[in-house]
Each structure stands twice: as structure tokens, then as C-alpha cells.
Amino acid sequence: MEHLTHGESALRTWLWIAALLGIILFKGFYSFFVVSDMGQPTWSYRPIQDVPASSAYAVYPPLPYPQHVRGNKGE
């Protein structure tokens, strides 16, 4: 095994730190420019008839007592 002097060891350490920082920056730029949001989609969102506000099956008769549970006087 080779013996490194203090200056060579510090240089090698800073090179590793710079390489790891470069990898992190590359991944960040790649994520921002390639995977990022490209704006509004080209399709239109039409109302879906199955949501409770639009579905005829989601309308229930009101219960007579404030607890909104079935049973003897809402109990």
C-alpha cells in the first residue's frame, strides 16, 4: 500500500467531496429540467357524474334526528 503525504491525502479528500457534490448537483438539474412540471396538460377535465355532488345515487332522505343515525330517535 502506498503512503500518502498529508498534502496528497487532503487533495484526494477534496476531490472526492467535489465528485460527490457534482453527482448531487447533476441529479438536481436532471430532476428539474427533465422530470419537472411542463405546464397544463392538453386534455380537459370534464365533470365526473359519479361524485356525490353530481350523482343521483348520492342523494339520501334526511334523517329525522340531528345525530344522523338510524334507530330509535337517533340512538
N, C-alpha and C. Protein backbone atom coordinates (compact mmCIF):
# COMPACT_ATOMS: atom_id res chain seq x y z
N MET A 1 0.84 -1.17 0.00
CA MET A 1 0.00 0.00 0.00
C MET A 1 0.88 1.24 0.00
N GLU A 2 0.49 2.18 -0.82
CA GLU A 2 1.32 3.39 -0.92
C GLU A 2 1.08 4.30 0.29
N HIS A 3 2.09 5.06 0.62
CA HIS A 3 1.98 6.01 1.72
C HIS A 3 1.79 7.41 1.14
N LEU A 4 0.73 8.07 1.56
CA LEU A 4 0.44 9.41 1.08
C LEU A 4 0.90 10.43 2.09
N THR A 5 1.36 11.53 1.59
CA THR A 5 1.71 12.63 2.49
C THR A 5 0.43 13.36 2.87
N HIS A 6 0.55 14.26 3.80
CA HIS A 6 -0.63 14.99 4.26
C HIS A 6 -1.25 15.80 3.13
N GLY A 7 -0.45 16.44 2.29
CA GLY A 7 -0.97 17.25 1.20
C GLY A 7 -1.69 16.41 0.16
N GLU A 8 -1.15 15.24 -0.17
CA GLU A 8 -1.80 14.36 -1.14
C GLU A 8 -3.11 13.80 -0.59
N SER A 9 -3.13 13.48 0.69
CA SER A 9 -4.34 12.96 1.31
C SER A 9 -5.44 14.02 1.34
N ALA A 10 -5.09 15.25 1.66
CA ALA A 10 -6.08 16.33 1.68
C ALA A 10 -6.60 16.59 0.27
N LEU A 11 -5.73 16.56 -0.73
CA LEU A 11 -6.16 16.77 -2.10
C LEU A 11 -7.12 15.66 -2.54
N ARG A 12 -6.80 14.43 -2.23
CA ARG A 12 -7.67 13.32 -2.59
C ARG A 12 -9.03 13.44 -1.88
N THR A 13 -9.04 13.87 -0.64
CA THR A 13 -10.29 14.07 0.10
C THR A 13 -11.15 15.14 -0.57
N TRP A 14 -10.54 16.26 -0.94
CA TRP A 14 -11.30 17.33 -1.60
C TRP A 14 -11.78 16.91 -2.98
N LEU A 15 -11.04 16.07 -3.68
CA LEU A 15 -11.50 15.57 -4.98
C LEU A 15 -12.74 14.68 -4.80
N TRP A 16 -12.74 13.84 -3.77
CA TRP A 16 -13.92 13.01 -3.51
C TRP A 16 -15.13 13.87 -3.13
N ILE A 17 -14.91 14.88 -2.32
CA ILE A 17 -16.00 15.77 -1.94
C ILE A 17 -16.55 16.49 -3.18
N ALA A 18 -15.68 16.96 -4.06
CA ALA A 18 -16.11 17.64 -5.28
C ALA A 18 -16.87 16.68 -6.20
N ALA A 19 -16.41 15.43 -6.29
CA ALA A 19 -17.10 14.44 -7.13
C ALA A 19 -18.50 14.15 -6.60
N LEU A 20 -18.63 13.97 -5.29
CA LEU A 20 -19.94 13.70 -4.71
C LEU A 20 -20.86 14.91 -4.85
N LEU A 21 -20.33 16.12 -4.68
CA LEU A 21 -21.12 17.32 -4.87
C LEU A 21 -21.57 17.45 -6.32
N GLY A 22 -20.71 17.09 -7.27
CA GLY A 22 -21.08 17.11 -8.67
C GLY A 22 -22.20 16.14 -8.99
N ILE A 23 -22.16 14.96 -8.38
CA ILE A 23 -23.24 13.98 -8.59
C ILE A 23 -24.56 14.53 -8.05
N ILE A 24 -24.53 15.12 -6.87
CA ILE A 24 -25.75 15.67 -6.29
C ILE A 24 -26.31 16.80 -7.15
N LEU A 25 -25.44 17.70 -7.62
CA LEU A 25 -25.90 18.79 -8.47
C LEU A 25 -26.44 18.28 -9.80
N PHE A 26 -25.79 17.28 -10.39
CA PHE A 26 -26.26 16.71 -11.64
C PHE A 26 -27.66 16.11 -11.47
N LYS A 27 -27.86 15.37 -10.38
CA LYS A 27 -29.19 14.79 -10.14
C LYS A 27 -30.24 15.88 -9.94
N GLY A 28 -29.90 16.95 -9.27
CA GLY A 28 -30.84 18.05 -9.07
C GLY A 28 -31.21 18.73 -10.38
N PHE A 29 -30.21 19.05 -11.21
CA PHE A 29 -30.50 19.67 -12.50
C PHE A 29 -31.28 18.73 -13.40
N TYR A 30 -30.94 17.44 -13.38
CA TYR A 30 -31.68 16.47 -14.19
C TYR A 30 -33.14 16.41 -13.76
N SER A 31 -33.37 16.36 -12.46
CA SER A 31 -34.75 16.32 -11.96
C SER A 31 -35.51 17.59 -12.32
N PHE A 32 -34.85 18.73 -12.25
CA PHE A 32 -35.53 19.99 -12.51
C PHE A 32 -35.86 20.17 -13.98
N PHE A 33 -34.93 19.84 -14.86
CA PHE A 33 -35.13 20.12 -16.28
C PHE A 33 -35.77 18.98 -17.06
N VAL A 34 -35.61 17.75 -16.62
CA VAL A 34 -36.15 16.62 -17.39
C VAL A 34 -37.45 16.12 -16.79
N VAL A 35 -37.55 16.04 -15.49
CA VAL A 35 -38.71 15.45 -14.85
C VAL A 35 -39.69 16.51 -14.35
N SER A 36 -39.36 17.77 -14.50
CA SER A 36 -40.18 18.83 -13.90
C SER A 36 -41.52 18.98 -14.59
N ASP A 37 -42.36 19.82 -13.98
CA ASP A 37 -43.70 20.09 -14.50
C ASP A 37 -43.60 20.86 -15.81
N MET A 38 -44.31 20.40 -16.81
CA MET A 38 -44.26 21.03 -18.13
C MET A 38 -45.48 21.91 -18.39
N GLY A 39 -46.22 22.29 -17.39
CA GLY A 39 -47.36 23.17 -17.57
C GLY A 39 -48.67 22.42 -17.59
N GLN A 40 -49.70 23.08 -18.09
CA GLN A 40 -51.03 22.50 -18.12
C GLN A 40 -51.09 21.34 -19.11
N PRO A 41 -51.83 20.28 -18.78
CA PRO A 41 -51.99 19.18 -19.72
C PRO A 41 -52.86 19.60 -20.91
N THR A 42 -52.77 18.85 -21.98
CA THR A 42 -53.51 19.21 -23.19
C THR A 42 -54.96 18.75 -23.15
N TRP A 43 -55.31 17.87 -22.23
CA TRP A 43 -56.69 17.40 -22.16
C TRP A 43 -57.49 18.27 -21.20
N SER A 44 -58.81 18.21 -21.33
CA SER A 44 -59.67 19.00 -20.46
C SER A 44 -60.29 18.09 -19.41
N TYR A 45 -60.47 18.62 -18.22
CA TYR A 45 -61.10 17.88 -17.14
C TYR A 45 -62.59 18.16 -17.17
N ARG A 46 -63.39 17.19 -17.58
CA ARG A 46 -64.84 17.36 -17.58
C ARG A 46 -65.39 16.88 -16.25
N PRO A 47 -66.57 17.36 -15.85
CA PRO A 47 -67.14 16.90 -14.58
C PRO A 47 -67.46 15.41 -14.62
N ILE A 48 -67.17 14.74 -13.54
CA ILE A 48 -67.45 13.31 -13.42
C ILE A 48 -68.80 13.16 -12.74
N GLN A 49 -69.69 12.38 -13.31
CA GLN A 49 -71.05 12.28 -12.80
C GLN A 49 -71.15 11.35 -11.59
N ASP A 50 -70.08 10.72 -11.18
CA ASP A 50 -70.15 9.79 -10.05
C ASP A 50 -69.80 10.44 -8.71
N VAL A 51 -69.35 11.68 -8.71
CA VAL A 51 -69.04 12.33 -7.45
C VAL A 51 -70.33 12.67 -6.72
N PRO A 52 -70.35 12.72 -5.41
CA PRO A 52 -71.60 12.93 -4.67
C PRO A 52 -72.37 14.18 -5.06
N ALA A 53 -71.71 15.23 -5.47
CA ALA A 53 -72.43 16.45 -5.83
C ALA A 53 -73.18 16.31 -7.14
N SER A 54 -72.83 15.33 -7.98
CA SER A 54 -73.44 15.19 -9.29
C SER A 54 -74.21 13.90 -9.46
N SER A 55 -74.09 12.97 -8.55
CA SER A 55 -74.70 11.66 -8.71
C SER A 55 -76.09 11.62 -8.09
N ALA A 56 -77.04 11.05 -8.83
CA ALA A 56 -78.40 10.90 -8.30
C ALA A 56 -78.45 9.84 -7.22
N TYR A 57 -77.48 8.92 -7.19
CA TYR A 57 -77.47 7.85 -6.19
C TYR A 57 -76.92 8.32 -4.84
N ALA A 58 -76.36 9.51 -4.79
CA ALA A 58 -75.77 10.01 -3.55
C ALA A 58 -76.73 10.91 -2.78
N VAL A 59 -77.95 11.04 -3.23
CA VAL A 59 -78.94 11.88 -2.54
C VAL A 59 -79.77 10.98 -1.65
N TYR A 60 -79.74 11.23 -0.36
CA TYR A 60 -80.45 10.41 0.61
C TYR A 60 -81.50 11.26 1.31
N PRO A 61 -82.58 10.65 1.75
CA PRO A 61 -83.55 11.44 2.51
C PRO A 61 -82.95 11.82 3.86
N PRO A 62 -83.24 13.01 4.36
CA PRO A 62 -82.68 13.42 5.64
C PRO A 62 -83.26 12.59 6.78
N LEU A 63 -82.43 12.33 7.76
CA LEU A 63 -82.88 11.60 8.94
C LEU A 63 -83.59 12.55 9.89
N PRO A 64 -84.56 12.08 10.64
CA PRO A 64 -85.37 12.99 11.45
C PRO A 64 -84.69 13.54 12.69
N TYR A 65 -83.54 13.01 13.08
CA TYR A 65 -82.90 13.45 14.32
C TYR A 65 -81.49 13.95 14.03
N PRO A 66 -80.96 14.86 14.84
CA PRO A 66 -79.71 15.54 14.49
C PRO A 66 -78.47 14.66 14.49
N GLN A 67 -78.52 13.44 15.06
CA GLN A 67 -77.33 12.61 15.08
C GLN A 67 -77.06 11.95 13.73
N HIS A 68 -78.03 11.94 12.83
CA HIS A 68 -77.91 11.34 11.51
C HIS A 68 -77.57 9.87 11.56
N VAL A 69 -78.15 9.17 12.51
CA VAL A 69 -78.02 7.72 12.58
C VAL A 69 -79.40 7.12 12.60
N ARG A 70 -79.51 5.93 12.09
CA ARG A 70 -80.81 5.28 12.06
C ARG A 70 -81.08 4.60 13.43
N GLY A 71 -82.30 4.46 13.75
CA GLY A 71 -82.65 3.82 15.01
C GLY A 71 -83.71 4.61 15.74
N ASN A 72 -83.95 4.22 16.98
CA ASN A 72 -84.99 4.86 17.78
C ASN A 72 -84.54 6.26 18.19
N LYS A 73 -85.10 7.26 17.57
CA LYS A 73 -84.80 8.68 17.85
C LYS A 73 -83.31 8.99 17.74
N GLY A 74 -82.64 8.39 16.78
CA GLY A 74 -81.24 8.69 16.53
C GLY A 74 -80.27 8.04 17.49
N GLU A 75 -80.71 7.04 18.24
CA GLU A 75 -79.82 6.41 19.23
C GLU A 75 -79.08 5.26 18.59
